[in-house]
Amino acid sequence: MYKQNCDVNQIEFSKEDEVISFKCELQENLQKAMKEFLEEHPNWDQYRIIQAAIAGFLLQKGFQNRDLTRLYIGNMFTMNFKD
């Protein structure tokens, strides 16, 4: 079985906004696909892809949260919902 190697570091910026950074090894085929996508879509970056993917997954699994929905839509359509 494939074992994920992930390190998680939590950095608190304010009481409202919290950013958690993590390092995670990706399977080679996933990394290649992401690299090809980024080369074809320069307005995206790896962080935006990961955020959109996680938010989309959680929404598909039935997690209902307004902030999560705003994050997903913002990443998919290059919108910034700070307020």
C-alpha atoms as a PDB file:
ATOM      1  CA  MET A   1       0.000   0.000   0.000  1.00  0.00           C
ATOM      2  CA  TYR A   2       1.243   3.488  -0.853  1.00  0.00           C
ATOM      3  CA  LYS A   3       2.114   5.543   2.225  1.00  0.00           C
ATOM      4  CA  GLN A   4       1.712   9.328   2.102  1.00  0.00           C
ATOM      5  CA  ASN A   5       4.534  11.335   3.600  1.00  0.00           C
ATOM      6  CA  CYS A   6       3.077  14.629   4.842  1.00  0.00           C
ATOM      7  CA  ASP A   7       4.346  17.240   7.276  1.00  0.00           C
ATOM      8  CA  VAL A   8       1.837  19.767   8.601  1.00  0.00           C
ATOM      9  CA  ASN A   9       2.776  23.166  10.024  1.00  0.00           C
ATOM     10  CA  GLN A  10       0.122  25.494  11.387  1.00  0.00           C
ATOM     11  CA  ILE A  11       0.731  29.241  11.211  1.00  0.00           C
ATOM     12  CA  GLU A  12      -1.845  31.568  12.768  1.00  0.00           C
ATOM     13  CA  PHE A  13      -2.192  34.993  11.134  1.00  0.00           C
ATOM     14  CA  SER A  14      -5.280  36.221  12.955  1.00  0.00           C
ATOM     15  CA  LYS A  15      -8.199  34.843  14.870  1.00  0.00           C
ATOM     16  CA  GLU A  16     -10.359  34.875  11.712  1.00  0.00           C
ATOM     17  CA  ASP A  17      -7.897  33.636   9.079  1.00  0.00           C
ATOM     18  CA  GLU A  18      -5.788  30.583   9.620  1.00  0.00           C
ATOM     19  CA  VAL A  19      -3.283  29.151   7.142  1.00  0.00           C
ATOM     20  CA  ILE A  20      -1.949  25.643   7.431  1.00  0.00           C
ATOM     21  CA  SER A  21       0.985  24.664   5.264  1.00  0.00           C
ATOM     22  CA  PHE A  22       1.916  21.092   4.520  1.00  0.00           C
ATOM     23  CA  LYS A  23       4.378  19.144   2.461  1.00  0.00           C
ATOM     24  CA  CYS A  24       3.140  16.020   0.783  1.00  0.00           C
ATOM     25  CA  GLU A  25       4.714  13.718  -1.759  1.00  0.00           C
ATOM     26  CA  LEU A  26       2.601  13.287  -4.886  1.00  0.00           C
ATOM     27  CA  GLN A  27       2.506  10.306  -7.148  1.00  0.00           C
ATOM     28  CA  GLU A  28       4.532  10.976 -10.279  1.00  0.00           C
ATOM     29  CA  ASN A  29       1.565  10.875 -12.675  1.00  0.00           C
ATOM     30  CA  LEU A  30      -0.355  13.414 -10.573  1.00  0.00           C
ATOM     31  CA  GLN A  31       2.678  15.699 -10.408  1.00  0.00           C
ATOM     32  CA  LYS A  32       3.170  15.514 -14.185  1.00  0.00           C
ATOM     33  CA  ALA A  33      -0.493  16.296 -14.839  1.00  0.00           C
ATOM     34  CA  MET A  34      -0.371  19.282 -12.504  1.00  0.00           C
ATOM     35  CA  LYS A  35       2.815  20.560 -14.167  1.00  0.00           C
ATOM     36  CA  GLU A  36       1.259  20.271 -17.640  1.00  0.00           C
ATOM     37  CA  PHE A  37      -1.876  22.053 -16.461  1.00  0.00           C
ATOM     38  CA  LEU A  38       0.177  24.908 -14.974  1.00  0.00           C
ATOM     39  CA  GLU A  39       2.156  25.298 -18.186  1.00  0.00           C
ATOM     40  CA  GLU A  40      -1.087  25.671 -20.157  1.00  0.00           C
ATOM     41  CA  HIS A  41      -2.831  27.886 -17.572  1.00  0.00           C
ATOM     42  CA  PRO A  42      -0.392  30.525 -16.257  1.00  0.00           C
ATOM     43  CA  ASN A  43      -3.082  32.225 -14.145  1.00  0.00           C
ATOM     44  CA  TRP A  44      -3.152  29.132 -11.878  1.00  0.00           C
ATOM     45  CA  ASP A  45      -0.517  28.000  -9.390  1.00  0.00           C
ATOM     46  CA  GLN A  46      -0.049  24.834  -7.362  1.00  0.00           C
ATOM     47  CA  TYR A  47      -1.641  26.360  -4.276  1.00  0.00           C
ATOM     48  CA  ARG A  48      -4.779  27.378  -6.127  1.00  0.00           C
ATOM     49  CA  ILE A  49      -5.084  23.880  -7.628  1.00  0.00           C
ATOM     50  CA  ILE A  50      -4.745  22.182  -4.242  1.00  0.00           C
ATOM     51  CA  GLN A  51      -7.225  24.545  -2.573  1.00  0.00           C
ATOM     52  CA  ALA A  52      -9.776  24.082  -5.358  1.00  0.00           C
ATOM     53  CA  ALA A  53      -9.308  20.304  -5.322  1.00  0.00           C
ATOM     54  CA  ILE A  54      -9.746  19.945  -1.560  1.00  0.00           C
ATOM     55  CA  ALA A  55     -12.705  22.330  -1.446  1.00  0.00           C
ATOM     56  CA  GLY A  56     -14.348  20.572  -4.418  1.00  0.00           C
ATOM     57  CA  PHE A  57     -13.847  17.164  -2.829  1.00  0.00           C
ATOM     58  CA  LEU A  58     -15.393  18.261   0.467  1.00  0.00           C
ATOM     59  CA  LEU A  59     -18.362  19.877  -1.289  1.00  0.00           C
ATOM     60  CA  GLN A  60     -18.954  16.713  -3.346  1.00  0.00           C
ATOM     61  CA  LYS A  61     -18.928  14.675  -0.132  1.00  0.00           C
ATOM     62  CA  GLY A  62     -21.716  16.817   1.320  1.00  0.00           C
ATOM     63  CA  PHE A  63     -19.771  19.161   3.594  1.00  0.00           C
ATOM     64  CA  GLN A  64     -21.871  22.330   3.767  1.00  0.00           C
ATOM     65  CA  ASN A  65     -20.009  25.494   4.693  1.00  0.00           C
ATOM     66  CA  ARG A  66     -20.432  28.972   3.221  1.00  0.00           C
ATOM     67  CA  ASP A  67     -16.725  29.862   3.524  1.00  0.00           C
ATOM     68  CA  LEU A  68     -15.734  26.623   1.811  1.00  0.00           C
ATOM     69  CA  THR A  69     -18.154  27.290  -1.032  1.00  0.00           C
ATOM     70  CA  ARG A  70     -16.777  30.813  -1.445  1.00  0.00           C
ATOM     71  CA  LEU A  71     -13.208  29.476  -1.489  1.00  0.00           C
ATOM     72  CA  TYR A  72     -14.075  26.879  -4.127  1.00  0.00           C
ATOM     73  CA  ILE A  73     -15.919  29.320  -6.386  1.00  0.00           C
ATOM     74  CA  GLY A  74     -13.228  31.954  -5.890  1.00  0.00           C
ATOM     75  CA  ASN A  75     -10.489  29.540  -6.946  1.00  0.00           C
ATOM     76  CA  MET A  76     -12.418  28.166  -9.897  1.00  0.00           C
ATOM     77  CA  PHE A  77     -13.370  31.559 -11.289  1.00  0.00           C
ATOM     78  CA  THR A  78     -10.442  33.715 -10.092  1.00  0.00           C
ATOM     79  CA  MET A  79     -12.537  35.679  -7.638  1.00  0.00           C
ATOM     80  CA  ASN A  80     -11.401  37.088  -4.328  1.00  0.00           C
ATOM     81  CA  PHE A  81     -13.973  36.965  -1.509  1.00  0.00           C
ATOM     82  CA  LYS A  82     -12.188  38.650   1.383  1.00  0.00           C
ATOM     83  CA  ASP A  83     -15.338  40.245   2.871  1.00  0.00           C
END
